[in-house]
PDB file of N, CA and C in Angstrom:
ATOM      1  N   MET A   1      12.838   2.668  15.298  1.00  0.00           N
ATOM      2  CA  MET A   1      11.860   1.696  15.166  1.00  0.00           C
ATOM      3  C   MET A   1      12.294   0.515  14.257  1.00  0.00           C
ATOM      4  N   THR A   2      12.012  -0.630  14.631  1.00  0.00           N
ATOM      5  CA  THR A   2      12.317  -1.698  13.850  1.00  0.00           C
ATOM      6  C   THR A   2      11.415  -1.938  12.688  1.00  0.00           C
ATOM      7  N   ALA A   3      11.755  -2.664  11.665  1.00  0.00           N
ATOM      8  CA  ALA A   3      10.870  -3.002  10.513  1.00  0.00           C
ATOM      9  C   ALA A   3       9.606  -3.841  10.979  1.00  0.00           C
ATOM     10  N   THR A   4       9.867  -4.731  12.074  1.00  0.00           N
ATOM     11  CA  THR A   4       8.900  -5.355  12.578  1.00  0.00           C
ATOM     12  C   THR A   4       7.846  -4.498  13.218  1.00  0.00           C
ATOM     13  N   ALA A   5       8.302  -3.573  14.051  1.00  0.00           N
ATOM     14  CA  ALA A   5       7.374  -2.568  14.723  1.00  0.00           C
ATOM     15  C   ALA A   5       6.627  -1.850  13.682  1.00  0.00           C
ATOM     16  N   ALA A   6       7.267  -1.349  12.737  1.00  0.00           N
ATOM     17  CA  ALA A   6       6.624  -0.595  11.564  1.00  0.00           C
ATOM     18  C   ALA A   6       5.408  -1.434  10.991  1.00  0.00           C
ATOM     19  N   ARG A   7       5.718  -2.613  10.831  1.00  0.00           N
ATOM     20  CA  ARG A   7       4.610  -3.510  10.202  1.00  0.00           C
ATOM     21  C   ARG A   7       3.500  -3.811  11.182  1.00  0.00           C
ATOM     22  N   ASP A   8       3.866  -3.896  12.509  1.00  0.00           N
ATOM     23  CA  ASP A   8       2.628  -4.148  13.372  1.00  0.00           C
ATOM     24  C   ASP A   8       1.873  -2.907  13.670  1.00  0.00           C
ATOM     25  N   GLU A   9       2.468  -1.634  13.477  1.00  0.00           N
ATOM     26  CA  GLU A   9       1.607  -0.494  13.865  1.00  0.00           C
ATOM     27  C   GLU A   9       0.996  -0.001  12.615  1.00  0.00           C
ATOM     28  N   ALA A  10       1.155  -0.458  11.426  1.00  0.00           N
ATOM     29  CA  ALA A  10       0.638   0.058  10.316  1.00  0.00           C
ATOM     30  C   ALA A  10      -0.892  -0.321  10.219  1.00  0.00           C
ATOM     31  N   GLU A  11      -1.566   0.577   9.608  1.00  0.00           N
ATOM     32  CA  GLU A  11      -3.041   0.428   9.372  1.00  0.00           C
ATOM     33  C   GLU A  11      -3.214  -0.557   8.153  1.00  0.00           C
ATOM     34  N   VAL A  12      -4.236  -1.361   8.154  1.00  0.00           N
ATOM     35  CA  VAL A  12      -4.511  -2.125   6.955  1.00  0.00           C
ATOM     36  C   VAL A  12      -5.685  -1.576   6.253  1.00  0.00           C
ATOM     37  N   TYR A  13      -5.573  -1.507   4.990  1.00  0.00           N
ATOM     38  CA  TYR A  13      -6.599  -0.905   4.072  1.00  0.00           C
ATOM     39  C   TYR A  13      -6.978  -2.172   3.099  1.00  0.00           C
ATOM     40  N   ASP A  14      -8.175  -2.544   3.367  1.00  0.00           N
ATOM     41  CA  ASP A  14      -8.645  -3.795   2.575  1.00  0.00           C
ATOM     42  C   ASP A  14      -9.280  -3.361   1.284  1.00  0.00           C
ATOM     43  N   LEU A  15      -8.472  -3.540   0.085  1.00  0.00           N
ATOM     44  CA  LEU A  15      -8.921  -3.261  -1.245  1.00  0.00           C
ATOM     45  C   LEU A  15      -9.271  -4.509  -1.934  1.00  0.00           C
ATOM     46  N   ARG A  16      -9.468  -5.575  -1.336  1.00  0.00           N
ATOM     47  CA  ARG A  16      -9.713  -6.868  -2.137  1.00  0.00           C
ATOM     48  C   ARG A  16     -11.056  -6.858  -2.772  1.00  0.00           C
ATOM     49  N   GLY A  17     -11.186  -7.305  -4.005  1.00  0.00           N
ATOM     50  CA  GLY A  17     -12.197  -7.413  -4.742  1.00  0.00           C
ATOM     51  C   GLY A  17     -12.375  -6.203  -5.788  1.00  0.00           C
ATOM     52  N   LEU A  18     -11.472  -5.145  -5.589  1.00  0.00           N
ATOM     53  CA  LEU A  18     -11.580  -3.982  -6.503  1.00  0.00           C
ATOM     54  C   LEU A  18     -10.684  -4.180  -7.679  1.00  0.00           C
ATOM     55  N   LYS A  19     -11.059  -3.761  -8.801  1.00  0.00           N
ATOM     56  CA  LYS A  19     -10.153  -3.877 -10.047  1.00  0.00           C
ATOM     57  C   LYS A  19      -9.558  -2.470 -10.444  1.00  0.00           C
ATOM     58  N   CYS A  20      -8.395  -2.638 -11.159  1.00  0.00           N
ATOM     59  CA  CYS A  20      -7.731  -1.377 -11.692  1.00  0.00           C
ATOM     60  C   CYS A  20      -8.725  -0.457 -12.316  1.00  0.00           C
ATOM     61  N   PRO A  21      -8.619   0.784 -11.974  1.00  0.00           N
ATOM     62  CA  PRO A  21      -7.608   1.587 -11.198  1.00  0.00           C
ATOM     63  C   PRO A  21      -8.031   1.878  -9.819  1.00  0.00           C
ATOM     64  N   LEU A  22      -9.037   1.296  -9.203  1.00  0.00           N
ATOM     65  CA  LEU A  22      -9.632   1.525  -7.944  1.00  0.00           C
ATOM     66  C   LEU A  22      -8.566   1.381  -6.803  1.00  0.00           C
ATOM     67  N   PRO A  23      -7.737   0.279  -6.731  1.00  0.00           N
ATOM     68  CA  PRO A  23      -6.820   0.200  -5.652  1.00  0.00           C
ATOM     69  C   PRO A  23      -5.799   1.354  -5.523  1.00  0.00           C
ATOM     70  N   VAL A  24      -5.312   1.678  -6.545  1.00  0.00           N
ATOM     71  CA  VAL A  24      -4.470   2.838  -6.559  1.00  0.00           C
ATOM     72  C   VAL A  24      -5.030   4.232  -6.299  1.00  0.00           C
ATOM     73  N   MET A  25      -6.327   4.428  -6.809  1.00  0.00           N
ATOM     74  CA  MET A  25      -7.047   5.572  -6.568  1.00  0.00           C
ATOM     75  C   MET A  25      -7.431   5.767  -5.005  1.00  0.00           C
ATOM     76  N   LYS A  26      -7.944   4.557  -4.467  1.00  0.00           N
ATOM     77  CA  LYS A  26      -8.246   4.555  -3.100  1.00  0.00           C
ATOM     78  C   LYS A  26      -7.097   4.718  -2.192  1.00  0.00           C
ATOM     79  N   ALA A  27      -5.988   3.988  -2.553  1.00  0.00           N
ATOM     80  CA  ALA A  27      -4.827   4.075  -1.636  1.00  0.00           C
ATOM     81  C   ALA A  27      -4.209   5.542  -1.723  1.00  0.00           C
ATOM     82  N   ARG A  28      -4.149   6.184  -2.825  1.00  0.00           N
ATOM     83  CA  ARG A  28      -3.798   7.633  -2.964  1.00  0.00           C
ATOM     84  C   ARG A  28      -4.643   8.521  -1.999  1.00  0.00           C
ATOM     85  N   LYS A  29      -5.951   8.310  -2.088  1.00  0.00           N
ATOM     86  CA  LYS A  29      -6.811   9.104  -1.319  1.00  0.00           C
ATOM     87  C   LYS A  29      -6.522   8.976   0.170  1.00  0.00           C
ATOM     88  N   ARG A  30      -6.422   7.629   0.659  1.00  0.00           N
ATOM     89  CA  ARG A  30      -6.150   7.331   1.992  1.00  0.00           C
ATOM     90  C   ARG A  30      -4.878   7.910   2.476  1.00  0.00           C
ATOM     91  N   LEU A  31      -3.908   7.823   1.740  1.00  0.00           N
ATOM     92  CA  LEU A  31      -2.522   8.211   2.110  1.00  0.00           C
ATOM     93  C   LEU A  31      -2.542   9.809   2.191  1.00  0.00           C
ATOM     94  N   SER A  32      -3.429  10.550   1.365  1.00  0.00           N
ATOM     95  CA  SER A  32      -3.447  11.908   1.520  1.00  0.00           C
ATOM     96  C   SER A  32      -3.991  12.411   2.754  1.00  0.00           C
ATOM     97  N   THR A  33      -4.631  11.501   3.501  1.00  0.00           N
ATOM     98  CA  THR A  33      -5.209  11.898   4.798  1.00  0.00           C
ATOM     99  C   THR A  33      -4.378  11.580   5.941  1.00  0.00           C
ATOM    100  N   MET A  34      -3.335  10.928   5.756  1.00  0.00           N
ATOM    101  CA  MET A  34      -2.398  10.459   6.818  1.00  0.00           C
ATOM    102  C   MET A  34      -1.067  11.310   6.974  1.00  0.00           C
ATOM    103  N   ALA A  35      -0.558  11.211   8.076  1.00  0.00           N
ATOM    104  CA  ALA A  35       0.684  12.009   8.339  1.00  0.00           C
ATOM    105  C   ALA A  35       1.899  11.482   7.595  1.00  0.00           C
ATOM    106  N   GLY A  36       2.745  12.434   7.304  1.00  0.00           N
ATOM    107  CA  GLY A  36       4.093  12.050   6.577  1.00  0.00           C
ATOM    108  C   GLY A  36       4.718  11.010   7.476  1.00  0.00           C
ATOM    109  N   GLY A  37       5.194   9.926   6.845  1.00  0.00           N
ATOM    110  CA  GLY A  37       6.089   8.943   7.551  1.00  0.00           C
ATOM    111  C   GLY A  37       5.061   7.846   8.053  1.00  0.00           C
ATOM    112  N   ALA A  38       3.762   8.052   7.958  1.00  0.00           N
ATOM    113  CA  ALA A  38       2.854   6.837   8.418  1.00  0.00           C
ATOM    114  C   ALA A  38       2.865   5.813   7.359  1.00  0.00           C
ATOM    115  N   ALA A  39       2.608   4.516   8.004  1.00  0.00           N
ATOM    116  CA  ALA A  39       2.625   3.346   7.077  1.00  0.00           C
ATOM    117  C   ALA A  39       1.283   2.746   6.964  1.00  0.00           C
ATOM    118  N   LEU A  40       1.054   2.235   5.719  1.00  0.00           N
ATOM    119  CA  LEU A  40      -0.215   1.681   5.373  1.00  0.00           C
ATOM    120  C   LEU A  40      -0.030   0.356   4.740  1.00  0.00           C
ATOM    121  N   TRP A  41      -0.650  -0.683   5.180  1.00  0.00           N
ATOM    122  CA  TRP A  41      -0.782  -2.016   4.413  1.00  0.00           C
ATOM    123  C   TRP A  41      -1.931  -1.907   3.527  1.00  0.00           C
ATOM    124  N   VAL A  42      -1.795  -2.150   2.157  1.00  0.00           N
ATOM    125  CA  VAL A  42      -2.693  -2.230   1.281  1.00  0.00           C
ATOM    126  C   VAL A  42      -2.983  -3.725   0.807  1.00  0.00           C
ATOM    127  N   GLU A  43      -4.151  -4.123   0.976  1.00  0.00           N
ATOM    128  CA  GLU A  43      -4.418  -5.630   0.598  1.00  0.00           C
ATOM    129  C   GLU A  43      -5.336  -5.554  -0.696  1.00  0.00           C
ATOM    130  N   THR A  44      -4.904  -6.377  -1.715  1.00  0.00           N
ATOM    131  CA  THR A  44      -5.679  -6.365  -2.936  1.00  0.00           C
ATOM    132  C   THR A  44      -5.611  -7.715  -3.706  1.00  0.00           C
ATOM    133  N   THR A  45      -6.653  -7.961  -4.393  1.00  0.00           N
ATOM    134  CA  THR A  45      -6.800  -9.230  -5.146  1.00  0.00           C
ATOM    135  C   THR A  45      -6.605  -8.892  -6.684  1.00  0.00           C
ATOM    136  N   ASP A  46      -6.418  -7.616  -6.994  1.00  0.00           N
ATOM    137  CA  ASP A  46      -6.265  -7.269  -8.444  1.00  0.00           C
ATOM    138  C   ASP A  46      -4.817  -7.640  -8.974  1.00  0.00           C
ATOM    139  N   PRO A  47      -4.784  -8.526 -10.059  1.00  0.00           N
ATOM    140  CA  PRO A  47      -3.494  -9.055 -10.449  1.00  0.00           C
ATOM    141  C   PRO A  47      -2.644  -7.934 -10.943  1.00  0.00           C
ATOM    142  N   LEU A  48      -3.175  -6.797 -11.330  1.00  0.00           N
ATOM    143  CA  LEU A  48      -2.402  -5.635 -11.820  1.00  0.00           C
ATOM    144  C   LEU A  48      -1.768  -4.833 -10.843  1.00  0.00           C
ATOM    145  N   ALA A  49      -2.068  -5.109  -9.635  1.00  0.00           N
ATOM    146  CA  ALA A  49      -1.601  -4.240  -8.462  1.00  0.00           C
ATOM    147  C   ALA A  49      -0.114  -4.436  -8.324  1.00  0.00           C
ATOM    148  N   VAL A  50       0.446  -5.597  -8.617  1.00  0.00           N
ATOM    149  CA  VAL A  50       1.939  -5.896  -8.625  1.00  0.00           C
ATOM    150  C   VAL A  50       2.672  -4.851  -9.496  1.00  0.00           C
ATOM    151  N   ILE A  51       1.969  -4.437 -10.501  1.00  0.00           N
ATOM    152  CA  ILE A  51       2.572  -3.333 -11.431  1.00  0.00           C
ATOM    153  C   ILE A  51       2.161  -1.910 -10.863  1.00  0.00           C
ATOM    154  N   ASP A  52       0.829  -1.855 -10.643  1.00  0.00           N
ATOM    155  CA  ASP A  52       0.280  -0.384 -10.354  1.00  0.00           C
ATOM    156  C   ASP A  52       0.758   0.138  -9.041  1.00  0.00           C
ATOM    157  N   ILE A  53       0.785  -0.622  -8.062  1.00  0.00           N
ATOM    158  CA  ILE A  53       1.090  -0.139  -6.657  1.00  0.00           C
ATOM    159  C   ILE A  53       2.563   0.370  -6.634  1.00  0.00           C
ATOM    160  N   PRO A  54       3.634  -0.410  -7.118  1.00  0.00           N
ATOM    161  CA  PRO A  54       4.916   0.069  -7.045  1.00  0.00           C
ATOM    162  C   PRO A  54       5.213   1.299  -8.008  1.00  0.00           C
ATOM    163  N   HIS A  55       4.418   1.382  -9.209  1.00  0.00           N
ATOM    164  CA  HIS A  55       4.475   2.510  -9.928  1.00  0.00           C
ATOM    165  C   HIS A  55       3.914   3.726  -9.269  1.00  0.00           C
ATOM    166  N   PHE A  56       2.859   3.518  -8.647  1.00  0.00           N
ATOM    167  CA  PHE A  56       2.106   4.790  -7.942  1.00  0.00           C
ATOM    168  C   PHE A  56       3.023   5.223  -6.874  1.00  0.00           C
ATOM    169  N   CYS A  57       3.682   4.367  -5.981  1.00  0.00           N
ATOM    170  CA  CYS A  57       4.632   4.775  -4.953  1.00  0.00           C
ATOM    171  C   CYS A  57       5.764   5.540  -5.538  1.00  0.00           C
ATOM    172  N   HIS A  58       6.323   5.055  -6.622  1.00  0.00           N
ATOM    173  CA  HIS A  58       7.563   5.770  -7.297  1.00  0.00           C
ATOM    174  C   HIS A  58       7.082   7.108  -7.777  1.00  0.00           C
ATOM    175  N   GLU A  59       5.820   7.247  -8.492  1.00  0.00           N
ATOM    176  CA  GLU A  59       5.386   8.498  -8.967  1.00  0.00           C
ATOM    177  C   GLU A  59       5.144   9.502  -7.913  1.00  0.00           C
ATOM    178  N   ASP A  60       4.581   9.181  -6.773  1.00  0.00           N
ATOM    179  CA  ASP A  60       4.123  10.035  -5.740  1.00  0.00           C
ATOM    180  C   ASP A  60       5.187  10.184  -4.578  1.00  0.00           C
ATOM    181  N   GLY A  61       6.169   9.473  -4.713  1.00  0.00           N
ATOM    182  CA  GLY A  61       7.375   9.623  -3.773  1.00  0.00           C
ATOM    183  C   GLY A  61       7.256   8.849  -2.562  1.00  0.00           C
ATOM    184  N   HIS A  62       6.313   7.837  -2.418  1.00  0.00           N
ATOM    185  CA  HIS A  62       6.195   7.212  -1.222  1.00  0.00           C
ATOM    186  C   HIS A  62       7.247   5.881  -1.276  1.00  0.00           C
ATOM    187  N   ALA A  63       7.407   5.371  -0.083  1.00  0.00           N
ATOM    188  CA  ALA A  63       8.363   4.162  -0.033  1.00  0.00           C
ATOM    189  C   ALA A  63       7.542   2.996   0.001  1.00  0.00           C
ATOM    190  N   LEU A  64       7.830   2.041  -0.863  1.00  0.00           N
ATOM    191  CA  LEU A  64       7.308   0.705  -0.915  1.00  0.00           C
ATOM    192  C   LEU A  64       8.158  -0.205  -0.100  1.00  0.00           C
ATOM    193  N   GLU A  65       7.819  -0.467   1.247  1.00  0.00           N
ATOM    194  CA  GLU A  65       8.674  -1.206   2.105  1.00  0.00           C
ATOM    195  C   GLU A  65       8.503  -2.667   1.979  1.00  0.00           C
ATOM    196  N   ALA A  66       7.339  -3.133   1.603  1.00  0.00           N
ATOM    197  CA  ALA A  66       7.137  -4.648   1.372  1.00  0.00           C
ATOM    198  C   ALA A  66       6.171  -4.907   0.336  1.00  0.00           C
ATOM    199  N   SER A  67       6.285  -6.045  -0.348  1.00  0.00           N
ATOM    200  CA  SER A  67       5.312  -6.463  -1.327  1.00  0.00           C
ATOM    201  C   SER A  67       5.240  -8.031  -1.096  1.00  0.00           C
ATOM    202  N   GLU A  68       4.144  -8.441  -0.731  1.00  0.00           N
ATOM    203  CA  GLU A  68       4.028  -9.967  -0.320  1.00  0.00           C
ATOM    204  C   GLU A  68       2.854 -10.520  -1.027  1.00  0.00           C
ATOM    205  N   ARG A  69       3.105 -11.717  -1.498  1.00  0.00           N
ATOM    206  CA  ARG A  69       2.099 -12.598  -2.125  1.00  0.00           C
ATOM    207  C   ARG A  69       1.338 -13.304  -0.977  1.00  0.00           C
ATOM    208  N   VAL A  70       0.017 -13.134  -1.041  1.00  0.00           N
ATOM    209  CA  VAL A  70      -0.786 -13.887   0.062  1.00  0.00           C
ATOM    210  C   VAL A  70      -1.732 -14.730  -0.605  1.00  0.00           C
ATOM    211  N   GLU A  71      -2.493 -15.567   0.021  1.00  0.00           N
ATOM    212  CA  GLU A  71      -3.306 -16.493  -0.458  1.00  0.00           C
ATOM    213  C   GLU A  71      -4.379 -15.981  -1.652  1.00  0.00           C
ATOM    214  N   ALA A  72      -5.000 -14.938  -1.201  1.00  0.00           N
ATOM    215  CA  ALA A  72      -5.990 -14.349  -2.182  1.00  0.00           C
ATOM    216  C   ALA A  72      -5.514 -13.261  -3.037  1.00  0.00           C
ATOM    217  N   GLY A  73      -4.119 -12.787  -2.963  1.00  0.00           N
ATOM    218  CA  GLY A  73      -3.650 -11.679  -3.832  1.00  0.00           C
ATOM    219  C   GLY A  73      -2.310 -11.160  -3.280  1.00  0.00           C
ATOM    220  N   HIS A  74      -2.274  -9.913  -3.107  1.00  0.00           N
ATOM    221  CA  HIS A  74      -1.004  -9.429  -2.681  1.00  0.00           C
ATOM    222  C   HIS A  74      -1.318  -8.303  -1.521  1.00  0.00           C
ATOM    223  N   ARG A  75      -0.240  -8.079  -0.840  1.00  0.00           N
ATOM    224  CA  ARG A  75      -0.343  -6.907   0.156  1.00  0.00           C
ATOM    225  C   ARG A  75       0.978  -6.155   0.085  1.00  0.00           C
ATOM    226  N   PHE A  76       0.850  -4.857   0.310  1.00  0.00           N
ATOM    227  CA  PHE A  76       1.887  -3.746   0.117  1.00  0.00           C
ATOM    228  C   PHE A  76       2.070  -3.021   1.285  1.00  0.00           C
ATOM    229  N   LEU A  77       3.249  -2.733   1.850  1.00  0.00           N
ATOM    230  CA  LEU A  77       3.521  -1.907   2.939  1.00  0.00           C
ATOM    231  C   LEU A  77       3.997  -0.607   2.338  1.00  0.00           C
ATOM    232  N   ILE A  78       3.193   0.552   2.397  1.00  0.00           N
ATOM    233  CA  ILE A  78       3.596   1.772   1.911  1.00  0.00           C
ATOM    234  C   ILE A  78       3.823   2.741   3.081  1.00  0.00           C
ATOM    235  N   ARG A  79       5.040   3.405   2.894  1.00  0.00           N
ATOM    236  CA  ARG A  79       5.258   4.465   3.849  1.00  0.00           C
ATOM    237  C   ARG A  79       5.173   5.854   3.231  1.00  0.00           C
ATOM    238  N   LYS A  80       4.249   6.664   3.739  1.00  0.00           N
ATOM    239  CA  LYS A  80       3.877   7.838   3.034  1.00  0.00           C
ATOM    240  C   LYS A  80       5.152   8.783   3.163  1.00  0.00           C
ATOM    241  N   LYS A  81       5.397   9.593   2.102  1.00  0.00           N
ATOM    242  CA  LYS A  81       6.611  10.452   2.048  1.00  0.00           C
ATOM    243  C   LYS A  81       6.337  11.501   3.150  1.00  0.00           C
ATOM    244  N   VAL A  82       7.451  12.072   3.698  1.00  0.00           N
ATOM    245  CA  VAL A  82       7.407  13.056   4.788  1.00  0.00           C
ATOM    246  C   VAL A  82       7.181  14.341   4.232  1.00  0.00           C
TER     247      VAL A  82
END
């Protein structure tokens, strides 16, 4: 599967408007319900997410495949550990 295909098929989880620690807590809970290897886009406006989301992925063993600045904040492509 190409990176573009992975991006296109990933579910989008809108966490805009939530402040730390809610984006990480909600992303962790959502990923816990997903199959190993599944991808999830997390969208957030929390300025601390650029620190918190990569740290969370490293701690929990998930792959952070993309981190992008968007008009209203950031979005992250997380691949759940298998």
